[in-house]
Protein backbone atom coordinates (compact mmCIF):
# COMPACT_ATOMS: atom_id res chain seq x y z
CA MET A 1 -79.48 7.22 -34.94
CA THR A 2 -76.64 5.91 -33.49
CA ASP A 3 -75.32 2.31 -34.94
CA ARG A 4 -74.87 -0.40 -32.93
CA VAL A 5 -72.93 -3.52 -32.57
CA VAL A 6 -73.78 -6.52 -31.24
CA LEU A 7 -70.72 -7.93 -29.48
CA ALA A 8 -70.64 -11.85 -28.00
CA TYR A 9 -69.10 -11.13 -24.71
CA SER A 10 -67.69 -13.64 -22.94
CA GLY A 11 -67.25 -11.72 -19.70
CA GLY A 12 -62.91 -12.23 -19.92
CA LEU A 13 -60.66 -9.07 -20.70
CA ASP A 14 -60.91 -9.02 -24.43
CA THR A 15 -63.92 -8.52 -24.87
CA SER A 16 -64.73 -6.24 -21.90
CA VAL A 17 -62.44 -4.14 -23.66
CA ALA A 18 -64.09 -4.96 -26.65
CA ILE A 19 -66.64 -2.74 -25.90
CA GLY A 20 -64.91 0.74 -25.43
CA TRP A 21 -62.39 -0.35 -27.97
CA ILE A 22 -65.25 -0.47 -30.57
CA GLY A 23 -67.06 2.64 -29.31
CA GLU A 24 -64.25 4.32 -29.92
CA ALA A 25 -63.48 3.34 -33.46
CA THR A 26 -66.56 3.15 -34.88
CA GLY A 27 -69.00 5.54 -32.83
CA ALA A 28 -71.21 2.64 -32.41
CA GLU A 29 -72.90 1.52 -29.36
CA VAL A 30 -72.38 -1.77 -28.14
CA VAL A 31 -74.75 -4.64 -27.50
CA ALA A 32 -73.30 -7.20 -24.88
CA VAL A 33 -74.69 -11.08 -25.44
CA ALA A 34 -73.44 -13.53 -22.99
CA VAL A 35 -74.58 -17.39 -23.99
CA ASP A 36 -74.79 -19.76 -21.96
CA VAL A 37 -73.55 -23.62 -23.36
CA GLY A 38 -72.64 -25.37 -20.32
CA GLN A 39 -69.30 -23.05 -20.55
CA GLY A 40 -69.22 -23.12 -16.17
CA GLY A 41 -67.55 -20.38 -14.68
CA GLU A 42 -69.08 -17.18 -13.30
CA ASP A 43 -73.17 -16.51 -12.75
CA LEU A 44 -74.47 -14.66 -16.86
CA GLU A 45 -75.93 -12.06 -14.32
CA VAL A 46 -72.32 -10.82 -13.22
CA ILE A 47 -71.09 -11.11 -16.62
CA ARG A 48 -74.24 -8.97 -17.88
CA GLN A 49 -73.78 -6.24 -15.15
CA ARG A 50 -70.07 -6.42 -15.70
CA ALA A 51 -70.80 -5.76 -19.45
CA LEU A 52 -72.98 -3.02 -19.04
CA ASP A 53 -69.84 -1.68 -16.11
CA CYS A 54 -67.98 -1.60 -19.41
CA GLY A 55 -69.94 0.56 -21.68
CA ALA A 56 -72.74 -2.11 -22.82
CA VAL A 57 -75.86 0.18 -23.82
CA GLU A 58 -77.48 -3.11 -23.87
CA ALA A 59 -76.28 -6.72 -22.04
CA TYR A 60 -78.35 -9.31 -22.86
CA VAL A 61 -77.71 -13.56 -21.54
CA ALA A 62 -79.59 -16.63 -22.88
CA ASP A 63 -79.30 -19.76 -20.57
CA ALA A 64 -78.95 -22.11 -24.12
CA ARG A 65 -78.00 -25.46 -22.40
CA ASP A 66 -80.60 -27.35 -23.82
CA GLU A 67 -80.82 -25.97 -27.08
CA PHE A 68 -77.78 -26.85 -27.19
CA ALA A 69 -77.73 -30.36 -25.92
CA ALA A 70 -81.02 -31.03 -27.96
CA GLU A 71 -80.48 -29.03 -30.63
CA TYR A 72 -76.85 -29.43 -31.21
CA CYS A 73 -75.01 -31.92 -29.78
CA MET A 74 -77.88 -34.55 -30.58
CA PRO A 75 -77.51 -34.04 -34.16
CA ALA A 76 -73.73 -34.42 -33.71
CA LEU A 77 -73.84 -38.00 -31.47
CA ALA A 78 -76.16 -39.16 -34.44
CA ALA A 79 -73.55 -38.45 -37.15
CA ASN A 80 -70.70 -40.27 -34.69
CA GLY A 81 -68.95 -36.10 -35.58
CA LEU A 82 -65.14 -36.45 -35.31
CA TYR A 83 -62.87 -34.11 -37.21
CA GLN A 84 -59.68 -35.82 -38.19
CA ASP A 85 -61.42 -39.20 -36.46
CA ALA A 86 -60.97 -37.70 -32.66
CA TYR A 87 -61.62 -34.47 -32.46
CA PRO A 88 -66.21 -34.64 -31.18
CA LEU A 89 -66.09 -30.95 -32.46
CA VAL A 90 -66.69 -29.10 -29.55
CA SER A 91 -65.93 -25.57 -30.15
CA GLY A 92 -67.52 -26.44 -34.08
CA ILE A 93 -71.36 -26.95 -32.86
CA SER A 94 -71.49 -24.36 -29.96
CA ARG A 95 -70.82 -21.35 -32.73
CA PRO A 96 -73.64 -22.03 -34.67
CA VAL A 97 -75.91 -21.67 -31.48
CA ILE A 98 -73.80 -18.50 -30.38
CA VAL A 99 -74.39 -16.97 -33.37
CA LYS A 100 -78.30 -18.05 -33.62
CA HIS A 101 -78.73 -15.96 -30.32
CA LEU A 102 -76.64 -12.89 -31.47
CA VAL A 103 -78.18 -12.51 -34.81
CA ARG A 104 -81.94 -12.91 -32.58
CA ALA A 105 -80.16 -9.46 -30.23
CA ALA A 106 -78.78 -8.11 -33.18
CA ARG A 107 -82.90 -7.58 -34.45
CA GLN A 108 -83.83 -7.12 -31.50
CA PHE A 109 -81.53 -3.93 -30.66
CA GLY A 110 -81.63 -3.12 -34.39
CA ALA A 111 -77.80 -3.35 -35.18
CA THR A 112 -76.01 -3.41 -38.04
CA THR A 113 -72.87 -5.46 -37.00
CA VAL A 114 -72.15 -8.28 -35.25
CA ALA A 115 -68.40 -8.84 -33.45
CA HIS A 116 -66.44 -11.34 -31.87
CA GLY A 117 -63.47 -11.75 -30.23
CA CYS A 118 -61.70 -14.19 -32.97
CA THR A 119 -58.27 -13.95 -34.57
CA GLY A 120 -57.36 -14.03 -37.27
CA LYS A 121 -55.60 -16.77 -37.68
CA GLY A 122 -58.20 -19.68 -35.99
CA ASN A 123 -61.29 -21.30 -37.33
CA ASP A 124 -63.76 -19.89 -35.19
CA GLN A 125 -63.56 -16.44 -37.51
CA VAL A 126 -64.84 -17.90 -40.20
CA ARG A 127 -67.66 -20.42 -37.98
CA PHE A 128 -68.75 -17.07 -36.71
CA GLU A 129 -69.15 -14.78 -40.32
CA VAL A 130 -70.23 -17.59 -42.04
CA SER A 131 -72.42 -18.35 -39.75
CA ILE A 132 -73.79 -14.72 -39.18
CA THR A 133 -73.86 -14.13 -43.28
CA SER A 134 -76.06 -17.53 -43.69
CA LEU A 135 -78.37 -16.28 -41.09
CA ALA A 136 -78.68 -12.71 -42.10
CA PRO A 137 -76.57 -11.90 -45.30
CA ASP A 138 -77.15 -7.87 -44.57
CA LEU A 139 -75.33 -7.91 -41.68
CA LYS A 140 -72.10 -7.17 -40.94
CA CYS A 141 -69.36 -8.43 -39.52
CA LEU A 142 -66.24 -6.99 -36.95
CA ALA A 143 -63.42 -8.95 -35.24
CA PRO A 144 -61.43 -6.52 -32.85
CA VAL A 145 -58.81 -8.37 -32.54
CA ARG A 146 -58.45 -8.87 -36.18
CA ASP A 147 -59.45 -5.87 -37.34
CA LEU A 148 -58.71 -2.99 -34.90
CA ALA A 149 -55.38 -4.51 -33.62
CA LEU A 150 -56.93 -4.60 -30.30
CA THR A 151 -53.67 -6.68 -28.68
CA ARG A 152 -53.82 -8.46 -25.09
CA GLU A 153 -50.77 -5.73 -23.94
CA LYS A 154 -53.54 -2.84 -25.72
CA ALA A 155 -56.07 -4.48 -23.71
CA ILE A 156 -54.30 -4.30 -20.27
CA ALA A 157 -53.21 -0.46 -20.83
CA TYR A 158 -57.23 0.18 -21.88
CA ALA A 159 -58.40 -1.81 -19.03
CA GLU A 160 -56.29 0.43 -16.39
CA LYS A 161 -56.15 3.44 -17.84
CA HIS A 162 -60.18 2.98 -18.21
CA ASN A 163 -60.64 1.05 -14.82
CA LEU A 164 -62.99 -1.13 -15.74
CA PRO A 165 -64.08 -4.01 -14.03
CA ILE A 166 -62.20 -6.74 -14.86
CA GLU A 167 -58.66 -8.45 -13.96
CA THR A 168 -55.34 -7.42 -16.40
CA THR A 169 -52.45 -9.55 -14.52
CA LYS A 170 -53.94 -12.84 -14.29
CA HIS A 171 -52.81 -14.61 -17.68
CA ASN A 172 -54.05 -17.86 -18.19
CA PRO A 173 -50.88 -19.98 -20.56
CA PHE A 174 -53.46 -21.63 -22.46
CA SER A 175 -56.41 -20.51 -24.70
CA ILE A 176 -59.02 -22.92 -23.48
CA ASP A 177 -62.99 -22.91 -24.76
CA GLN A 178 -65.41 -25.12 -23.15
CA ASN A 179 -69.05 -26.38 -23.30
CA VAL A 180 -71.01 -29.10 -21.88
CA TRP A 181 -70.01 -31.03 -25.06
CA GLY A 182 -65.95 -30.39 -23.70
CA ARG A 183 -63.13 -28.46 -24.04
CA ALA A 184 -60.36 -27.17 -25.39
CA ILE A 185 -57.22 -26.44 -24.44
CA GLU A 186 -54.38 -24.59 -26.98
CA THR A 187 -51.62 -22.61 -27.36
CA GLY A 188 -48.59 -22.60 -24.12
CA PHE A 189 -46.10 -24.52 -24.46
CA LEU A 190 -48.55 -26.78 -26.07
CA GLU A 191 -47.48 -25.72 -29.36
CA ASP A 192 -43.93 -27.29 -28.84
CA ILE A 193 -45.54 -31.00 -30.49
CA TRP A 194 -42.74 -32.41 -28.52
CA ASN A 195 -43.71 -31.33 -25.21
CA ALA A 196 -46.28 -33.92 -23.55
CA PRO A 197 -49.63 -31.94 -21.64
CA THR A 198 -49.47 -31.69 -18.13
CA LYS A 199 -52.28 -32.00 -15.22
CA ASP A 200 -52.33 -29.26 -15.32
CA VAL A 201 -54.15 -29.02 -18.61
CA TYR A 202 -56.84 -31.31 -17.94
CA ASN A 203 -60.14 -29.99 -15.52
CA TYR A 204 -62.64 -32.39 -16.88
CA THR A 205 -60.77 -35.52 -16.56
CA ASP A 206 -59.25 -37.42 -14.16
CA ASP A 207 -55.78 -39.16 -14.43
CA PRO A 208 -56.31 -42.19 -15.80
CA THR A 209 -53.37 -43.62 -14.89
CA PHE A 210 -54.99 -44.24 -11.24
CA PRO A 211 -58.60 -44.72 -11.96
CA PRO A 212 -61.59 -45.97 -9.09
CA VAL A 213 -62.92 -49.15 -9.72
CA ALA A 214 -65.10 -49.41 -13.21
CA ASP A 215 -68.32 -47.79 -13.68
CA GLU A 216 -70.88 -50.29 -15.21
CA VAL A 217 -73.46 -47.57 -17.60
CA VAL A 218 -76.79 -48.94 -19.36
CA ILE A 219 -77.28 -46.26 -21.96
CA THR A 220 -80.73 -46.66 -23.12
CA PHE A 221 -81.45 -44.74 -26.99
CA ASP A 222 -84.24 -43.94 -28.69
CA LYS A 223 -83.87 -43.05 -32.14
CA GLY A 224 -80.50 -42.30 -31.50
CA VAL A 225 -80.80 -39.96 -28.89
CA PRO A 226 -79.67 -41.25 -25.05
CA VAL A 227 -83.24 -40.80 -23.06
CA ALA A 228 -82.00 -43.12 -20.10
CA LEU A 229 -79.13 -44.34 -18.12
CA ASP A 230 -79.17 -47.23 -15.48
CA GLY A 231 -82.85 -46.76 -16.39
CA GLU A 232 -82.96 -43.76 -14.61
CA LYS A 233 -84.90 -41.00 -17.63
CA VAL A 234 -82.52 -37.81 -18.78
CA SER A 235 -82.80 -35.26 -21.01
CA PRO A 236 -79.89 -34.92 -23.78
CA LEU A 237 -78.43 -32.87 -21.25
CA GLN A 238 -78.84 -34.43 -18.21
CA ALA A 239 -77.65 -37.15 -20.20
CA ILE A 240 -74.02 -35.58 -21.26
CA GLN A 241 -73.64 -33.81 -17.98
CA GLU A 242 -73.49 -37.45 -16.09
CA MET A 243 -71.26 -39.10 -18.73
CA ASN A 244 -68.94 -36.16 -18.48
CA ARG A 245 -69.27 -36.70 -14.35
CA ARG A 246 -68.80 -40.58 -14.78
CA ALA A 247 -66.69 -40.70 -17.49
CA GLY A 248 -64.71 -37.55 -16.34
CA ALA A 249 -63.62 -39.50 -13.49
CA GLN A 250 -62.04 -42.66 -15.50
CA GLY A 251 -59.78 -40.25 -17.27
CA VAL A 252 -62.15 -40.77 -20.74
CA GLY A 253 -61.81 -38.37 -23.34
CA ARG A 254 -58.20 -37.52 -23.39
CA ILE A 255 -57.65 -35.97 -27.18
CA ASP A 256 -54.19 -34.86 -28.23
CA ILE A 257 -53.69 -34.35 -32.05
CA VAL A 258 -51.99 -31.82 -34.64
CA GLU A 259 -54.70 -30.79 -36.83
CA ASP A 260 -55.57 -29.23 -39.97
CA ARG A 261 -56.92 -25.75 -39.61
CA LEU A 262 -59.95 -24.89 -42.75
CA VAL A 263 -57.24 -21.54 -42.84
CA GLY A 264 -54.90 -23.67 -43.78
CA ILE A 265 -52.40 -24.43 -40.41
CA LYS A 266 -51.24 -27.45 -38.50
CA SER A 267 -52.30 -26.52 -35.05
CA ARG A 268 -51.56 -28.89 -31.74
CA GLU A 269 -55.17 -28.90 -29.83
CA VAL A 270 -55.35 -30.86 -26.76
CA TYR A 271 -58.94 -32.13 -25.76
CA GLU A 272 -61.54 -33.65 -22.71
CA ALA A 273 -64.77 -35.01 -23.81
CA PRO A 274 -65.43 -37.48 -21.45
CA GLY A 275 -69.37 -37.31 -21.90
CA ALA A 276 -69.01 -36.90 -25.67
CA MET A 277 -66.78 -39.93 -27.01
CA ALA A 278 -68.08 -42.60 -24.14
CA LEU A 279 -72.17 -41.62 -25.72
CA ILE A 280 -70.32 -41.37 -29.78
CA ALA A 281 -69.07 -45.33 -28.31
CA ALA A 282 -72.08 -46.65 -27.35
CA HIS A 283 -73.68 -44.89 -30.20
CA ARG A 284 -71.85 -46.54 -33.19
CA GLU A 285 -72.16 -49.60 -31.10
CA LEU A 286 -75.86 -49.87 -31.46
CA GLU A 287 -75.54 -48.41 -35.15
CA ASN A 288 -73.56 -51.27 -35.64
CA VAL A 289 -76.58 -53.64 -34.29
CA THR A 290 -79.43 -52.18 -35.88
CA LEU A 291 -78.43 -50.59 -39.09
CA GLU A 292 -77.73 -52.22 -42.80
CA ARG A 293 -74.70 -53.42 -44.23
CA GLU A 294 -74.78 -50.75 -47.17
CA GLN A 295 -76.32 -47.98 -45.57
CA ALA A 296 -73.90 -48.56 -42.12
CA ARG A 297 -71.08 -48.66 -45.17
CA PHE A 298 -72.64 -45.10 -46.75
CA LYS A 299 -73.14 -43.79 -43.54
CA ARG A 300 -69.33 -43.68 -42.42
CA GLY A 301 -68.21 -41.05 -45.77
CA VAL A 302 -71.27 -39.32 -44.73
CA GLU A 303 -70.29 -38.71 -41.28
CA GLN A 304 -66.37 -37.67 -42.54
CA ARG A 305 -67.80 -35.13 -44.47
CA TRP A 306 -70.62 -33.70 -42.10
CA SER A 307 -67.41 -33.51 -39.73
CA GLU A 308 -66.07 -31.70 -42.16
CA LEU A 309 -68.34 -29.16 -42.87
CA VAL A 310 -69.36 -28.47 -39.50
CA TYR A 311 -65.73 -28.06 -38.39
CA ASP A 312 -64.67 -25.53 -41.36
CA GLY A 313 -68.10 -23.40 -39.94
CA GLN A 314 -70.48 -24.64 -43.11
CA TRP A 315 -73.13 -25.59 -39.47
CA PHE A 316 -76.49 -23.68 -41.99
CA SER A 317 -74.88 -24.65 -45.85
CA PRO A 318 -77.52 -26.43 -47.94
CA LEU A 319 -74.98 -29.80 -48.26
CA LYS A 320 -74.87 -29.53 -44.33
CA LYS A 321 -78.61 -29.71 -44.27
CA ASN A 322 -78.94 -32.06 -46.64
CA LEU A 323 -76.77 -34.59 -45.15
CA ASP A 324 -79.01 -34.01 -42.20
CA THR A 325 -81.66 -35.60 -43.66
CA PHE A 326 -79.99 -38.61 -44.27
CA ILE A 327 -78.12 -39.03 -40.89
CA ALA A 328 -81.79 -37.86 -39.19
CA ASP A 329 -83.54 -41.28 -41.63
CA THR A 330 -80.87 -43.48 -40.20
CA GLN A 331 -81.79 -43.36 -36.91
CA GLN A 332 -85.05 -44.89 -37.37
CA TYR A 333 -84.48 -48.17 -36.04
CA VAL A 334 -81.28 -47.32 -33.58
CA SER A 335 -83.13 -47.82 -30.32
CA GLY A 336 -82.06 -50.03 -27.12
CA ASP A 337 -79.74 -50.05 -24.86
CA ILE A 338 -75.19 -50.43 -24.50
CA ARG A 339 -73.62 -51.97 -21.75
CA ILE A 340 -70.67 -50.12 -21.30
CA VAL A 341 -67.90 -49.80 -19.15
CA LEU A 342 -65.89 -46.99 -18.06
CA HIS A 343 -62.11 -47.45 -16.31
CA GLY A 344 -59.33 -46.03 -16.91
CA GLY A 345 -59.71 -44.04 -19.90
CA ARG A 346 -61.76 -46.54 -21.42
CA ALA A 347 -65.18 -46.52 -22.58
CA THR A 348 -65.96 -50.50 -23.48
CA VAL A 349 -68.67 -51.97 -24.81
CA THR A 350 -69.41 -55.38 -23.05
CA GLY A 351 -73.85 -55.82 -24.17
CA ARG A 352 -75.64 -54.86 -26.31
CA ARG A 353 -79.80 -55.27 -26.87
CA SER A 354 -82.66 -53.81 -29.26
CA GLU A 355 -85.83 -54.80 -30.49
CA GLN A 356 -85.16 -53.45 -33.70
CA SER A 357 -81.71 -55.57 -34.17
CA LEU A 358 -80.67 -56.62 -37.54
CA TYR A 359 -79.09 -59.58 -35.74
CA ASP A 360 -80.34 -62.59 -35.43
CA PHE A 361 -78.59 -65.67 -33.20
CA ASN A 362 -79.82 -68.67 -35.31
CA LEU A 363 -77.93 -67.37 -38.21
CA ALA A 364 -74.90 -66.31 -36.47
CA THR A 365 -74.65 -69.62 -34.25
CA TYR A 366 -72.15 -71.91 -34.64
CA ASP A 367 -74.11 -74.58 -33.04
CA GLU A 368 -77.29 -76.11 -33.12
CA GLY A 369 -80.09 -74.28 -33.95
CA ASP A 370 -77.77 -72.53 -37.11
CA SER A 371 -80.36 -72.11 -39.80
CA PHE A 372 -77.81 -70.15 -42.13
CA ASP A 373 -78.08 -72.50 -45.57
CA GLN A 374 -74.22 -72.91 -45.94
CA ALA A 375 -75.88 -74.31 -49.57
CA SER A 376 -76.26 -71.44 -50.53
CA ALA A 377 -72.44 -70.30 -50.14
CA VAL A 378 -71.13 -72.48 -53.28
CA GLY A 379 -73.44 -70.58 -55.42
CA PHE A 380 -73.13 -66.86 -53.51
CA ILE A 381 -69.19 -67.46 -53.72
CA ASP A 382 -68.92 -68.21 -57.48
CA ILE A 383 -71.48 -65.29 -58.69
CA TYR A 384 -69.42 -63.10 -56.44
CA GLY A 385 -66.11 -63.83 -57.50
CA LEU A 386 -67.13 -64.03 -61.20
CA THR A 387 -66.36 -60.30 -62.66
CA SER A 388 -62.72 -61.38 -60.23
CA LYS A 389 -62.38 -64.52 -62.26
CA LEU A 390 -62.71 -63.63 -65.78
CA ALA A 391 -60.33 -60.74 -65.19
CA ALA A 392 -57.63 -63.24 -64.05
CA ALA A 393 -58.28 -65.13 -66.92
CA ARG A 394 -57.69 -62.35 -69.31
CA ASP A 395 -53.90 -61.43 -67.15
CA VAL A 396 -53.09 -64.60 -67.74
CA LYS A 397 -54.11 -64.84 -71.14
CA PHE A 398 -51.93 -61.55 -72.00
CA GLY A 399 -48.99 -62.81 -70.25
CA ASN A 400 -49.97 -60.68 -66.63
CA GLY A 401 -50.31 -62.91 -64.81
CA VAL A 402 -49.64 -62.95 -60.83
CA ASP A 403 -46.03 -64.13 -60.95
CA LEU A 404 -45.91 -66.80 -57.96
CA GLY A 405 -42.45 -67.00 -57.78
CA THR A 406 -39.44 -69.88 -58.12
CA GLY A 407 -38.84 -70.61 -54.53
CA GLU A 408 -40.25 -74.24 -53.21
CA LEU A 409 -43.32 -74.38 -50.73
């Protein structure tokens, strides 16, 4: 029986050429799998037919937009997932759902190998392959660009020689990956980290320098998940799409950073994630209202580690699953409304309300009706500062007290 390889197929030049390239190099039949995670562009049926026309023995397409939004974007929102406190893991959270469909197709079509179009110096090769072997340890992995020396020049020559139905002359100066959670742009002149991004870099966001009238939106959350916008019920996918539209119109969510790649190099990346960044801002503020202090402090450390694991391709790892359990438990009371104003590249929270709030007006107020017992503060400060007081007294005793200087007041 002829061996089969499942290929993560985008419909572009490299993966179209990879179908025949893999066949010639390995003798295997290729099954092309295209997964829609909200990246837009061509119709999936057009992409499926192109894969067949390029030599795939089977072509499988999956609309995974709702699945991606509910099972990957929402956990990222609950974790306030930001790598290096900036990047909302646009690519990092999409790879696991794509891999899930690749492995499912490998089982369905009897393939022993899964292939992807990543290079040997990026993060995505790790995300794909670690996720594949985490779900199916018996499957082999193949990267034609990395393992079979498929360069762009060779791809163009191969496509022209075999009359493949794919555009070979148009060359986008950037490498772009996008889905409903955001858009990642790299390479080209952006590799000089002194160069500022030009207008043609952006697609999801309008120029925040000349914004339209401010847009006020009330986001309703239920256990950390946005369920309504301005009182209108929405699914997770609808919430992201609508916030992409509204926050994007105000230029919210533009990110330009030099980030630490898993493979050890620093890389300049430009991202657009209007919906993600606006939703994270709202979710964080609702947590400020509903999470207990020590719980919130600890969660911030968990969020950083969670983001690092996801960035590093460990979505299916034991530790990531453990952290998911903790994060999910923290969302029990993260319900309520956040009012946010979108304007000029900013998403600014201006109001919060929640039945599960830990904010007590009578404790917080300085006006009449104050129920906080200020007399308790004296004893609290004595006990709270006792260890520091004892340590300071020891320092003075042994000549290590703080030098107050000799200057006059």
